[in-house]
Amino acid sequence: MTASSPIAERLSRMIRIPTVADRGPEPFEQFVALLEELYPKVHASLERERITERGLLFRWRGAAEKDPVVLMAHYDVVPANADEWDEDPFGGRIDHGWVHGRGALDDKGPLIVILEA
């Protein structure tokens, strides 16, 4: 097995947290803590505001307030019936650079792209 990229490893860790709405608040709090761990510079440089119990807003202030840009993603996922998957939907397995699991494409993958940038 070849070594995977650090970004794939981070996405794998995100997928392993089952942020499914019907599972209660704990996975969401774990995910927020993971974001703080994985992206300390984001947390040190941007303002973070909690919107309701699960929403996060990061504000990166520019030199001017006009013409703002919004980058959006979500980290909640729909339930996954393990019987319908060939592998653990929350396993975050990495295979040849591809990260497998619930949320890899919708929408933890796009979230990590924003945070990495």
PDB file of N, CA and C in Angstrom:
ATOM      1  N   MET A   1       0.839  -1.176   0.000  1.00  0.00           N
ATOM      2  CA  MET A   1       0.000   0.000   0.000  1.00  0.00           C
ATOM      3  C   MET A   1       0.883   1.237   0.000  1.00  0.00           C
ATOM      4  N   THR A   2       0.554   2.182  -0.843  1.00  0.00           N
ATOM      5  CA  THR A   2       1.323   3.416  -0.907  1.00  0.00           C
ATOM      6  C   THR A   2       0.849   4.376   0.176  1.00  0.00           C
ATOM      7  N   ALA A   3       1.730   5.268   0.548  1.00  0.00           N
ATOM      8  CA  ALA A   3       1.371   6.276   1.549  1.00  0.00           C
ATOM      9  C   ALA A   3       0.340   7.224   0.952  1.00  0.00           C
ATOM     10  N   SER A   4      -0.622   7.600   1.754  1.00  0.00           N
ATOM     11  CA  SER A   4      -1.643   8.518   1.270  1.00  0.00           C
ATOM     12  C   SER A   4      -1.247   9.949   1.603  1.00  0.00           C
ATOM     13  N   SER A   5      -1.881  10.877   0.944  1.00  0.00           N
ATOM     14  CA  SER A   5      -1.566  12.280   1.152  1.00  0.00           C
ATOM     15  C   SER A   5      -2.103  12.757   2.499  1.00  0.00           C
ATOM     16  N   PRO A   6      -1.500  13.787   3.044  1.00  0.00           N
ATOM     17  CA  PRO A   6      -2.013  14.345   4.297  1.00  0.00           C
ATOM     18  C   PRO A   6      -3.454  14.839   4.170  1.00  0.00           C
ATOM     19  N   ILE A   7      -3.830  15.335   3.009  1.00  0.00           N
ATOM     20  CA  ILE A   7      -5.205  15.806   2.813  1.00  0.00           C
ATOM     21  C   ILE A   7      -6.167  14.628   2.849  1.00  0.00           C
ATOM     22  N   ALA A   8      -5.806  13.525   2.206  1.00  0.00           N
ATOM     23  CA  ALA A   8      -6.647  12.330   2.246  1.00  0.00           C
ATOM     24  C   ALA A   8      -6.786  11.826   3.674  1.00  0.00           C
ATOM     25  N   GLU A   9      -5.711  11.869   4.432  1.00  0.00           N
ATOM     26  CA  GLU A   9      -5.767  11.445   5.840  1.00  0.00           C
ATOM     27  C   GLU A   9      -6.726  12.327   6.635  1.00  0.00           C
ATOM     28  N   ARG A  10      -6.680  13.640   6.398  1.00  0.00           N
ATOM     29  CA  ARG A  10      -7.580  14.545   7.119  1.00  0.00           C
ATOM     30  C   ARG A  10      -9.035  14.279   6.733  1.00  0.00           C
ATOM     31  N   LEU A  11      -9.302  14.088   5.432  1.00  0.00           N
ATOM     32  CA  LEU A  11     -10.666  13.797   4.996  1.00  0.00           C
ATOM     33  C   LEU A  11     -11.140  12.473   5.591  1.00  0.00           C
ATOM     34  N   SER A  12     -10.270  11.496   5.648  1.00  0.00           N
ATOM     35  CA  SER A  12     -10.622  10.211   6.238  1.00  0.00           C
ATOM     36  C   SER A  12     -11.053  10.388   7.692  1.00  0.00           C
ATOM     37  N   ARG A  13     -10.320  11.197   8.424  1.00  0.00           N
ATOM     38  CA  ARG A  13     -10.686  11.454   9.821  1.00  0.00           C
ATOM     39  C   ARG A  13     -12.052  12.148   9.919  1.00  0.00           C
ATOM     40  N   MET A  14     -12.326  13.056   8.996  1.00  0.00           N
ATOM     41  CA  MET A  14     -13.630  13.739   8.995  1.00  0.00           C
ATOM     42  C   MET A  14     -14.768  12.753   8.737  1.00  0.00           C
ATOM     43  N   ILE A  15     -14.544  11.845   7.807  1.00  0.00           N
ATOM     44  CA  ILE A  15     -15.582  10.869   7.448  1.00  0.00           C
ATOM     45  C   ILE A  15     -15.859   9.907   8.601  1.00  0.00           C
ATOM     46  N   ARG A  16     -14.851   9.628   9.395  1.00  0.00           N
ATOM     47  CA  ARG A  16     -15.034   8.694  10.513  1.00  0.00           C
ATOM     48  C   ARG A  16     -15.940   9.240  11.610  1.00  0.00           C
ATOM     49  N   ILE A  17     -16.261  10.511  11.548  1.00  0.00           N
ATOM     50  CA  ILE A  17     -17.188  11.085  12.524  1.00  0.00           C
ATOM     51  C   ILE A  17     -18.571  11.116  11.868  1.00  0.00           C
ATOM     52  N   PRO A  18     -19.500  10.310  12.350  1.00  0.00           N
ATOM     53  CA  PRO A  18     -20.817  10.184  11.700  1.00  0.00           C
ATOM     54  C   PRO A  18     -21.743  11.360  12.033  1.00  0.00           C
ATOM     55  N   THR A  19     -21.565  12.437  11.307  1.00  0.00           N
ATOM     56  CA  THR A  19     -22.356  13.649  11.550  1.00  0.00           C
ATOM     57  C   THR A  19     -23.735  13.534  10.883  1.00  0.00           C
ATOM     58  N   VAL A  20     -24.498  12.581  11.369  1.00  0.00           N
ATOM     59  CA  VAL A  20     -25.861  12.333  10.886  1.00  0.00           C
ATOM     60  C   VAL A  20     -26.816  13.010  11.867  1.00  0.00           C
ATOM     61  N   ALA A  21     -27.750  13.786  11.338  1.00  0.00           N
ATOM     62  CA  ALA A  21     -28.615  14.614  12.185  1.00  0.00           C
ATOM     63  C   ALA A  21     -29.328  13.831  13.277  1.00  0.00           C
ATOM     64  N   ASP A  22     -29.754  12.613  12.994  1.00  0.00           N
ATOM     65  CA  ASP A  22     -30.535  11.874  13.984  1.00  0.00           C
ATOM     66  C   ASP A  22     -29.682  11.202  15.070  1.00  0.00           C
ATOM     67  N   ARG A  23     -28.387  11.438  15.078  1.00  0.00           N
ATOM     68  CA  ARG A  23     -27.511  10.814  16.076  1.00  0.00           C
ATOM     69  C   ARG A  23     -27.211  11.739  17.249  1.00  0.00           C
ATOM     70  N   GLY A  24     -27.813  12.887  17.282  1.00  0.00           N
ATOM     71  CA  GLY A  24     -27.600  13.798  18.398  1.00  0.00           C
ATOM     72  C   GLY A  24     -26.418  14.720  18.182  1.00  0.00           C
ATOM     73  N   PRO A  25     -26.144  15.579  19.164  1.00  0.00           N
ATOM     74  CA  PRO A  25     -25.144  16.633  18.993  1.00  0.00           C
ATOM     75  C   PRO A  25     -23.686  16.189  19.130  1.00  0.00           C
ATOM     76  N   GLU A  26     -23.420  15.079  19.792  1.00  0.00           N
ATOM     77  CA  GLU A  26     -22.041  14.700  20.090  1.00  0.00           C
ATOM     78  C   GLU A  26     -21.146  14.570  18.854  1.00  0.00           C
ATOM     79  N   PRO A  27     -21.562  13.884  17.786  1.00  0.00           N
ATOM     80  CA  PRO A  27     -20.678  13.808  16.615  1.00  0.00           C
ATOM     81  C   PRO A  27     -20.370  15.184  16.019  1.00  0.00           C
ATOM     82  N   PHE A  28     -21.323  16.084  16.090  1.00  0.00           N
ATOM     83  CA  PHE A  28     -21.108  17.421  15.549  1.00  0.00           C
ATOM     84  C   PHE A  28     -20.074  18.180  16.377  1.00  0.00           C
ATOM     85  N   GLU A  29     -20.136  18.031  17.691  1.00  0.00           N
ATOM     86  CA  GLU A  29     -19.144  18.670  18.556  1.00  0.00           C
ATOM     87  C   GLU A  29     -17.767  18.050  18.328  1.00  0.00           C
ATOM     88  N   GLN A  30     -17.713  16.742  18.117  1.00  0.00           N
ATOM     89  CA  GLN A  30     -16.438  16.081  17.800  1.00  0.00           C
ATOM     90  C   GLN A  30     -15.870  16.628  16.489  1.00  0.00           C
ATOM     91  N   PHE A  31     -16.746  16.846  15.518  1.00  0.00           N
ATOM     92  CA  PHE A  31     -16.303  17.346  14.225  1.00  0.00           C
ATOM     93  C   PHE A  31     -15.747  18.763  14.357  1.00  0.00           C
ATOM     94  N   VAL A  32     -16.429  19.611  15.107  1.00  0.00           N
ATOM     95  CA  VAL A  32     -15.953  20.981  15.320  1.00  0.00           C
ATOM     96  C   VAL A  32     -14.583  20.955  16.006  1.00  0.00           C
ATOM     97  N   ALA A  33     -14.417  20.090  16.992  1.00  0.00           N
ATOM     98  CA  ALA A  33     -13.121  19.957  17.672  1.00  0.00           C
ATOM     99  C   ALA A  33     -12.049  19.456  16.706  1.00  0.00           C
ATOM    100  N   LEU A  34     -12.418  18.540  15.821  1.00  0.00           N
ATOM    101  CA  LEU A  34     -11.465  18.040  14.830  1.00  0.00           C
ATOM    102  C   LEU A  34     -11.029  19.158  13.893  1.00  0.00           C
ATOM    103  N   LEU A  35     -11.964  20.001  13.472  1.00  0.00           N
ATOM    104  CA  LEU A  35     -11.598  21.128  12.612  1.00  0.00           C
ATOM    105  C   LEU A  35     -10.588  22.038  13.302  1.00  0.00           C
ATOM    106  N   GLU A  36     -10.789  22.279  14.590  1.00  0.00           N
ATOM    107  CA  GLU A  36      -9.844  23.104  15.349  1.00  0.00           C
ATOM    108  C   GLU A  36      -8.469  22.449  15.389  1.00  0.00           C
ATOM    109  N   GLU A  37      -8.450  21.124  15.556  1.00  0.00           N
ATOM    110  CA  GLU A  37      -7.182  20.392  15.592  1.00  0.00           C
ATOM    111  C   GLU A  37      -6.483  20.399  14.234  1.00  0.00           C
ATOM    112  N   LEU A  38      -7.230  20.126  13.182  1.00  0.00           N
ATOM    113  CA  LEU A  38      -6.636  19.997  11.851  1.00  0.00           C
ATOM    114  C   LEU A  38      -6.274  21.327  11.212  1.00  0.00           C
ATOM    115  N   TYR A  39      -6.991  22.389  11.567  1.00  0.00           N
ATOM    116  CA  TYR A  39      -6.804  23.682  10.915  1.00  0.00           C
ATOM    117  C   TYR A  39      -6.601  24.795  11.947  1.00  0.00           C
ATOM    118  N   PRO A  40      -5.515  24.717  12.713  1.00  0.00           N
ATOM    119  CA  PRO A  40      -5.294  25.745  13.736  1.00  0.00           C
ATOM    120  C   PRO A  40      -5.070  27.144  13.150  1.00  0.00           C
ATOM    121  N   LYS A  41      -4.451  27.232  11.977  1.00  0.00           N
ATOM    122  CA  LYS A  41      -4.233  28.557  11.378  1.00  0.00           C
ATOM    123  C   LYS A  41      -5.548  29.201  10.957  1.00  0.00           C
ATOM    124  N   VAL A  42      -6.483  28.407  10.469  1.00  0.00           N
ATOM    125  CA  VAL A  42      -7.805  28.923  10.122  1.00  0.00           C
ATOM    126  C   VAL A  42      -8.458  29.503  11.370  1.00  0.00           C
ATOM    127  N   HIS A  43      -8.378  28.766  12.455  1.00  0.00           N
ATOM    128  CA  HIS A  43      -9.008  29.212  13.697  1.00  0.00           C
ATOM    129  C   HIS A  43      -8.286  30.404  14.315  1.00  0.00           C
ATOM    130  N   ALA A  44      -6.984  30.518  14.087  1.00  0.00           N
ATOM    131  CA  ALA A  44      -6.229  31.648  14.621  1.00  0.00           C
ATOM    132  C   ALA A  44      -6.412  32.909  13.790  1.00  0.00           C
ATOM    133  N   SER A  45      -6.675  32.749  12.492  1.00  0.00           N
ATOM    134  CA  SER A  45      -6.713  33.898  11.582  1.00  0.00           C
ATOM    135  C   SER A  45      -8.114  34.400  11.268  1.00  0.00           C
ATOM    136  N   LEU A  46      -9.105  33.533  11.343  1.00  0.00           N
ATOM    137  CA  LEU A  46     -10.468  33.908  10.967  1.00  0.00           C
ATOM    138  C   LEU A  46     -11.354  33.984  12.201  1.00  0.00           C
ATOM    139  N   GLU A  47     -12.395  34.768  12.096  1.00  0.00           N
ATOM    140  CA  GLU A  47     -13.394  34.814  13.152  1.00  0.00           C
ATOM    141  C   GLU A  47     -14.346  33.644  12.943  1.00  0.00           C
ATOM    142  N   ARG A  48     -14.645  32.930  14.009  1.00  0.00           N
ATOM    143  CA  ARG A  48     -15.603  31.829  13.906  1.00  0.00           C
ATOM    144  C   ARG A  48     -16.818  32.152  14.759  1.00  0.00           C
ATOM    145  N   GLU A  49     -17.979  31.993  14.153  1.00  0.00           N
ATOM    146  CA  GLU A  49     -19.241  32.246  14.841  1.00  0.00           C
ATOM    147  C   GLU A  49     -20.098  30.994  14.741  1.00  0.00           C
ATOM    148  N   ARG A  50     -20.708  30.609  15.854  1.00  0.00           N
ATOM    149  CA  ARG A  50     -21.641  29.486  15.839  1.00  0.00           C
ATOM    150  C   ARG A  50     -23.001  30.013  15.401  1.00  0.00           C
ATOM    151  N   ILE A  51     -23.588  29.358  14.429  1.00  0.00           N
ATOM    152  CA  ILE A  51     -24.928  29.684  13.943  1.00  0.00           C
ATOM    153  C   ILE A  51     -25.793  28.488  14.317  1.00  0.00           C
ATOM    154  N   THR A  52     -26.721  28.666  15.202  1.00  0.00           N
ATOM    155  CA  THR A  52     -27.487  27.584  15.813  1.00  0.00           C
ATOM    156  C   THR A  52     -26.514  26.601  16.475  1.00  0.00           C
ATOM    157  N   GLU A  53     -26.949  25.380  16.713  1.00  0.00           N
ATOM    158  CA  GLU A  53     -26.088  24.417  17.398  1.00  0.00           C
ATOM    159  C   GLU A  53     -25.019  23.817  16.491  1.00  0.00           C
ATOM    160  N   ARG A  54     -25.283  23.757  15.192  1.00  0.00           N
ATOM    161  CA  ARG A  54     -24.382  23.006  14.304  1.00  0.00           C
ATOM    162  C   ARG A  54     -23.730  23.835  13.218  1.00  0.00           C
ATOM    163  N   GLY A  55     -24.203  25.030  13.010  1.00  0.00           N
ATOM    164  CA  GLY A  55     -23.655  25.847  11.937  1.00  0.00           C
ATOM    165  C   GLY A  55     -22.428  26.622  12.372  1.00  0.00           C
ATOM    166  N   LEU A  56     -21.483  26.747  11.461  1.00  0.00           N
ATOM    167  CA  LEU A  56     -20.275  27.523  11.694  1.00  0.00           C
ATOM    168  C   LEU A  56     -20.143  28.557  10.584  1.00  0.00           C
ATOM    169  N   LEU A  57     -19.757  29.755  10.960  1.00  0.00           N
ATOM    170  CA  LEU A  57     -19.472  30.807   9.992  1.00  0.00           C
ATOM    171  C   LEU A  57     -18.061  31.296  10.270  1.00  0.00           C
ATOM    172  N   PHE A  58     -17.195  31.164   9.283  1.00  0.00           N
ATOM    173  CA  PHE A  58     -15.837  31.692   9.394  1.00  0.00           C
ATOM    174  C   PHE A  58     -15.785  32.973   8.570  1.00  0.00           C
ATOM    175  N   ARG A  59     -15.307  34.029   9.181  1.00  0.00           N
ATOM    176  CA  ARG A  59     -15.229  35.320   8.496  1.00  0.00           C
ATOM    177  C   ARG A  59     -13.763  35.718   8.374  1.00  0.00           C
ATOM    178  N   TRP A  60     -13.353  35.897   7.127  1.00  0.00           N
ATOM    179  CA  TRP A  60     -11.998  36.322   6.822  1.00  0.00           C
ATOM    180  C   TRP A  60     -12.105  37.740   6.297  1.00  0.00           C
ATOM    181  N   ARG A  61     -11.821  38.690   7.156  1.00  0.00           N
ATOM    182  CA  ARG A  61     -11.986  40.096   6.796  1.00  0.00           C
ATOM    183  C   ARG A  61     -10.878  40.524   5.840  1.00  0.00           C
ATOM    184  N   GLY A  62     -11.293  41.245   4.814  1.00  0.00           N
ATOM    185  CA  GLY A  62     -10.349  41.776   3.848  1.00  0.00           C
ATOM    186  C   GLY A  62     -10.056  43.241   4.131  1.00  0.00           C
ATOM    187  N   ALA A  63      -9.383  43.867   3.196  1.00  0.00           N
ATOM    188  CA  ALA A  63      -9.046  45.278   3.339  1.00  0.00           C
ATOM    189  C   ALA A  63     -10.289  46.151   3.214  1.00  0.00           C
ATOM    190  N   ALA A  64     -11.301  45.669   2.516  1.00  0.00           N
ATOM    191  CA  ALA A  64     -12.542  46.430   2.323  1.00  0.00           C
ATOM    192  C   ALA A  64     -13.725  45.498   2.570  1.00  0.00           C
ATOM    193  N   GLU A  65     -14.852  46.087   2.912  1.00  0.00           N
ATOM    194  CA  GLU A  65     -16.059  45.308   3.192  1.00  0.00           C
ATOM    195  C   GLU A  65     -16.900  45.067   1.939  1.00  0.00           C
ATOM    196  N   LYS A  66     -16.605  45.736   0.840  1.00  0.00           N
ATOM    197  CA  LYS A  66     -17.437  45.589  -0.355  1.00  0.00           C
ATOM    198  C   LYS A  66     -17.056  44.334  -1.138  1.00  0.00           C
ATOM    199  N   ASP A  67     -17.997  43.869  -1.929  1.00  0.00           N
ATOM    200  CA  ASP A  67     -17.806  42.705  -2.793  1.00  0.00           C
ATOM    201  C   ASP A  67     -17.318  41.457  -2.044  1.00  0.00           C
ATOM    202  N   PRO A  68     -18.051  41.035  -1.023  1.00  0.00           N
ATOM    203  CA  PRO A  68     -17.628  39.830  -0.298  1.00  0.00           C
ATOM    204  C   PRO A  68     -17.801  38.572  -1.145  1.00  0.00           C
ATOM    205  N   VAL A  69     -17.086  37.547  -0.770  1.00  0.00           N
ATOM    206  CA  VAL A  69     -17.164  36.241  -1.422  1.00  0.00           C
ATOM    207  C   VAL A  69     -17.630  35.244  -0.369  1.00  0.00           C
ATOM    208  N   VAL A  70     -18.515  34.335  -0.767  1.00  0.00           N
ATOM    209  CA  VAL A  70     -18.997  33.308   0.150  1.00  0.00           C
ATOM    210  C   VAL A  70     -18.556  31.944  -0.380  1.00  0.00           C
ATOM    211  N   LEU A  71     -17.890  31.189   0.465  1.00  0.00           N
ATOM    212  CA  LEU A  71     -17.528  29.802   0.178  1.00  0.00           C
ATOM    213  C   LEU A  71     -18.330  28.959   1.154  1.00  0.00           C
ATOM    214  N   MET A  72     -19.113  28.017   0.641  1.00  0.00           N
ATOM    215  CA  MET A  72     -20.003  27.260   1.517  1.00  0.00           C
ATOM    216  C   MET A  72     -19.818  25.758   1.350  1.00  0.00           C
ATOM    217  N   ALA A  73     -20.036  25.071   2.448  1.00  0.00           N
ATOM    218  CA  ALA A  73     -20.069  23.611   2.453  1.00  0.00           C
ATOM    219  C   ALA A  73     -20.819  23.206   3.716  1.00  0.00           C
ATOM    220  N   HIS A  74     -21.200  21.954   3.774  1.00  0.00           N
ATOM    221  CA  HIS A  74     -21.833  21.453   4.994  1.00  0.00           C
ATOM    222  C   HIS A  74     -21.129  20.182   5.430  1.00  0.00           C
ATOM    223  N   TYR A  75     -21.288  19.857   6.703  1.00  0.00           N
ATOM    224  CA  TYR A  75     -20.615  18.659   7.220  1.00  0.00           C
ATOM    225  C   TYR A  75     -21.592  17.637   7.776  1.00  0.00           C
ATOM    226  N   ASP A  76     -22.878  17.913   7.647  1.00  0.00           N
ATOM    227  CA  ASP A  76     -23.852  16.885   8.014  1.00  0.00           C
ATOM    228  C   ASP A  76     -24.038  15.958   6.824  1.00  0.00           C
ATOM    229  N   VAL A  77     -24.352  14.711   7.109  1.00  0.00           N
ATOM    230  CA  VAL A  77     -24.543  13.716   6.052  1.00  0.00           C
ATOM    231  C   VAL A  77     -25.863  12.987   6.288  1.00  0.00           C
ATOM    232  N   VAL A  78     -26.390  12.405   5.229  1.00  0.00           N
ATOM    233  CA  VAL A  78     -27.617  11.622   5.361  1.00  0.00           C
ATOM    234  C   VAL A  78     -27.262  10.253   5.940  1.00  0.00           C
ATOM    235  N   PRO A  79     -28.210   9.603   6.582  1.00  0.00           N
ATOM    236  CA  PRO A  79     -27.929   8.276   7.141  1.00  0.00           C
ATOM    237  C   PRO A  79     -27.434   7.302   6.067  1.00  0.00           C
ATOM    238  N   ALA A  80     -26.651   6.357   6.497  1.00  0.00           N
ATOM    239  CA  ALA A  80     -26.124   5.338   5.589  1.00  0.00           C
ATOM    240  C   ALA A  80     -26.432   3.962   6.174  1.00  0.00           C
ATOM    241  N   ASN A  81     -27.185   3.185   5.433  1.00  0.00           N
ATOM    242  CA  ASN A  81     -27.475   1.812   5.843  1.00  0.00           C
ATOM    243  C   ASN A  81     -26.272   0.950   5.473  1.00  0.00           C
ATOM    244  N   ALA A  82     -25.574   0.467   6.480  1.00  0.00           N
ATOM    245  CA  ALA A  82     -24.349  -0.305   6.238  1.00  0.00           C
ATOM    246  C   ALA A  82     -24.593  -1.529   5.361  1.00  0.00           C
ATOM    247  N   ASP A  83     -25.812  -2.077   5.379  1.00  0.00           N
ATOM    248  CA  ASP A  83     -26.134  -3.238   4.546  1.00  0.00           C
ATOM    249  C   ASP A  83     -26.112  -2.907   3.062  1.00  0.00           C
ATOM    250  N   GLU A  84     -26.234  -1.641   2.725  1.00  0.00           N
ATOM    251  CA  GLU A  84     -26.252  -1.219   1.327  1.00  0.00           C
ATOM    252  C   GLU A  84     -24.867  -0.787   0.837  1.00  0.00           C
ATOM    253  N   TRP A  85     -23.880  -0.886   1.683  1.00  0.00           N
ATOM    254  CA  TRP A  85     -22.515  -0.485   1.343  1.00  0.00           C
ATOM    255  C   TRP A  85     -21.621  -1.726   1.287  1.00  0.00           C
ATOM    256  N   ASP A  86     -20.611  -1.675   0.442  1.00  0.00           N
ATOM    257  CA  ASP A  86     -19.631  -2.757   0.379  1.00  0.00           C
ATOM    258  C   ASP A  86     -18.639  -2.690   1.544  1.00  0.00           C
ATOM    259  N   GLU A  87     -18.583  -1.560   2.209  1.00  0.00           N
ATOM    260  CA  GLU A  87     -17.675  -1.357   3.327  1.00  0.00           C
ATOM    261  C   GLU A  87     -18.326  -0.407   4.323  1.00  0.00           C
ATOM    262  N   ASP A  88     -17.655  -0.166   5.428  1.00  0.00           N
ATOM    263  CA  ASP A  88     -18.178   0.723   6.463  1.00  0.00           C
ATOM    264  C   ASP A  88     -18.333   2.138   5.891  1.00  0.00           C
ATOM    265  N   PRO A  89     -19.559   2.670   5.853  1.00  0.00           N
ATOM    266  CA  PRO A  89     -19.742   4.004   5.280  1.00  0.00           C
ATOM    267  C   PRO A  89     -19.042   5.098   6.074  1.00  0.00           C
ATOM    268  N   PHE A  90     -18.691   4.812   7.323  1.00  0.00           N
ATOM    269  CA  PHE A  90     -17.982   5.782   8.140  1.00  0.00           C
ATOM    270  C   PHE A  90     -16.563   5.312   8.463  1.00  0.00           C
ATOM    271  N   GLY A  91     -16.037   4.444   7.616  1.00  0.00           N
ATOM    272  CA  GLY A  91     -14.685   3.928   7.819  1.00  0.00           C
ATOM    273  C   GLY A  91     -13.602   4.861   7.323  1.00  0.00           C
ATOM    274  N   GLY A  92     -13.898   5.657   6.313  1.00  0.00           N
ATOM    275  CA  GLY A  92     -12.908   6.583   5.782  1.00  0.00           C
ATOM    276  C   GLY A  92     -11.702   5.898   5.158  1.00  0.00           C
ATOM    277  N   ARG A  93     -11.936   4.742   4.545  1.00  0.00           N
ATOM    278  CA  ARG A  93     -10.829   3.986   3.940  1.00  0.00           C
ATOM    279  C   ARG A  93     -10.213   4.769   2.788  1.00  0.00           C
ATOM    280  N   ILE A  94      -8.894   4.723   2.716  1.00  0.00           N
ATOM    281  CA  ILE A  94      -8.157   5.364   1.624  1.00  0.00           C
ATOM    282  C   ILE A  94      -7.596   4.261   0.738  1.00  0.00           C
ATOM    283  N   ASP A  95      -7.884   4.326  -0.551  1.00  0.00           N
ATOM    284  CA  ASP A  95      -7.421   3.316  -1.498  1.00  0.00           C
ATOM    285  C   ASP A  95      -6.929   4.016  -2.760  1.00  0.00           C
ATOM    286  N   HIS A  96      -5.647   3.920  -3.007  1.00  0.00           N
ATOM    287  CA  HIS A  96      -5.024   4.534  -4.184  1.00  0.00           C
ATOM    288  C   HIS A  96      -5.358   6.029  -4.279  1.00  0.00           C
ATOM    289  N   GLY A  97      -5.312   6.703  -3.149  1.00  0.00           N
ATOM    290  CA  GLY A  97      -5.544   8.141  -3.127  1.00  0.00           C
ATOM    291  C   GLY A  97      -6.996   8.560  -3.021  1.00  0.00           C
ATOM    292  N   TRP A  98      -7.915   7.602  -3.133  1.00  0.00           N
ATOM    293  CA  TRP A  98      -9.344   7.895  -3.039  1.00  0.00           C
ATOM    294  C   TRP A  98      -9.830   7.614  -1.620  1.00  0.00           C
ATOM    295  N   VAL A  99     -10.605   8.540  -1.081  1.00  0.00           N
ATOM    296  CA  VAL A  99     -11.160   8.364   0.259  1.00  0.00           C
ATOM    297  C   VAL A  99     -12.596   7.888   0.102  1.00  0.00           C
ATOM    298  N   HIS A 100     -12.924   6.790   0.749  1.00  0.00           N
ATOM    299  CA  HIS A 100     -14.248   6.188   0.642  1.00  0.00           C
ATOM    300  C   HIS A 100     -15.046   6.423   1.918  1.00  0.00           C
ATOM    301  N   GLY A 101     -16.307   6.789   1.748  1.00  0.00           N
ATOM    302  CA  GLY A 101     -17.185   6.919   2.903  1.00  0.00           C
ATOM    303  C   GLY A 101     -18.229   7.995   2.708  1.00  0.00           C
ATOM    304  N   ARG A 102     -19.209   7.971   3.598  1.00  0.00           N
ATOM    305  CA  ARG A 102     -20.319   8.918   3.551  1.00  0.00           C
ATOM    306  C   ARG A 102     -19.782  10.332   3.791  1.00  0.00           C
ATOM    307  N   GLY A 103     -20.000  11.187   2.822  1.00  0.00           N
ATOM    308  CA  GLY A 103     -19.569  12.572   2.924  1.00  0.00           C
ATOM    309  C   GLY A 103     -18.339  12.903   2.103  1.00  0.00           C
ATOM    310  N   ALA A 104     -17.712  11.900   1.494  1.00  0.00           N
ATOM    311  CA  ALA A 104     -16.492  12.171   0.725  1.00  0.00           C
ATOM    312  C   ALA A 104     -16.763  13.147  -0.417  1.00  0.00           C
ATOM    313  N   LEU A 105     -17.903  12.990  -1.082  1.00  0.00           N
ATOM    314  CA  LEU A 105     -18.250  13.890  -2.180  1.00  0.00           C
ATOM    315  C   LEU A 105     -19.267  14.947  -1.754  1.00  0.00           C
ATOM    316  N   ASP A 106     -20.133  14.616  -0.844  1.00  0.00           N
ATOM    317  CA  ASP A 106     -21.193  15.532  -0.411  1.00  0.00           C
ATOM    318  C   ASP A 106     -21.274  15.505   1.109  1.00  0.00           C
ATOM    319  N   ASP A 107     -20.618  16.296   1.785  1.00  0.00           N
ATOM    320  CA  ASP A 107     -19.994  17.525   1.349  1.00  0.00           C
ATOM    321  C   ASP A 107     -18.746  17.808   2.167  1.00  0.00           C
ATOM    322  N   LYS A 108     -18.227  16.774   2.819  1.00  0.00           N
ATOM    323  CA  LYS A 108     -16.997  16.972   3.577  1.00  0.00           C
ATOM    324  C   LYS A 108     -15.804  17.150   2.637  1.00  0.00           C
ATOM    325  N   GLY A 109     -15.872  16.547   1.457  1.00  0.00           N
ATOM    326  CA  GLY A 109     -14.810  16.726   0.458  1.00  0.00           C
ATOM    327  C   GLY A 109     -14.688  18.187   0.045  1.00  0.00           C
ATOM    328  N   PRO A 110     -15.776  18.822  -0.410  1.00  0.00           N
ATOM    329  CA  PRO A 110     -15.692  20.251  -0.736  1.00  0.00           C
ATOM    330  C   PRO A 110     -15.316  21.129   0.470  1.00  0.00           C
ATOM    331  N   LEU A 111     -15.741  20.747   1.667  1.00  0.00           N
ATOM    332  CA  LEU A 111     -15.379  21.517   2.858  1.00  0.00           C
ATOM    333  C   LEU A 111     -13.861  21.499   3.054  1.00  0.00           C
ATOM    334  N   ILE A 112     -13.259  20.323   2.897  1.00  0.00           N
ATOM    335  CA  ILE A 112     -11.808  20.244   3.099  1.00  0.00           C
ATOM    336  C   ILE A 112     -11.052  21.033   2.033  1.00  0.00           C
ATOM    337  N   VAL A 113     -11.591  21.097   0.836  1.00  0.00           N
ATOM    338  CA  VAL A 113     -10.959  21.885  -0.225  1.00  0.00           C
ATOM    339  C   VAL A 113     -10.904  23.360   0.190  1.00  0.00           C
ATOM    340  N   ILE A 114     -12.001  23.869   0.733  1.00  0.00           N
ATOM    341  CA  ILE A 114     -12.047  25.257   1.189  1.00  0.00           C
ATOM    342  C   ILE A 114     -11.046  25.476   2.315  1.00  0.00           C
ATOM    343  N   LEU A 115     -11.028  24.587   3.289  1.00  0.00           N
ATOM    344  CA  LEU A 115     -10.135  24.743   4.436  1.00  0.00           C
ATOM    345  C   LEU A 115      -8.666  24.611   4.028  1.00  0.00           C
ATOM    346  N   GLU A 116      -8.369  23.728   3.110  1.00  0.00           N
ATOM    347  CA  GLU A 116      -6.999  23.568   2.645  1.00  0.00           C
ATOM    348  C   GLU A 116      -6.516  24.819   1.911  1.00  0.00           C
ATOM    349  N   ALA A 117      -7.408  25.429   1.136  1.00  0.00           N
ATOM    350  CA  ALA A 117      -7.039  26.641   0.398  1.00  0.00           C
ATOM    351  C   ALA A 117      -6.736  27.775   1.364  1.00  0.00           C
TER     352      ALA A 117
END
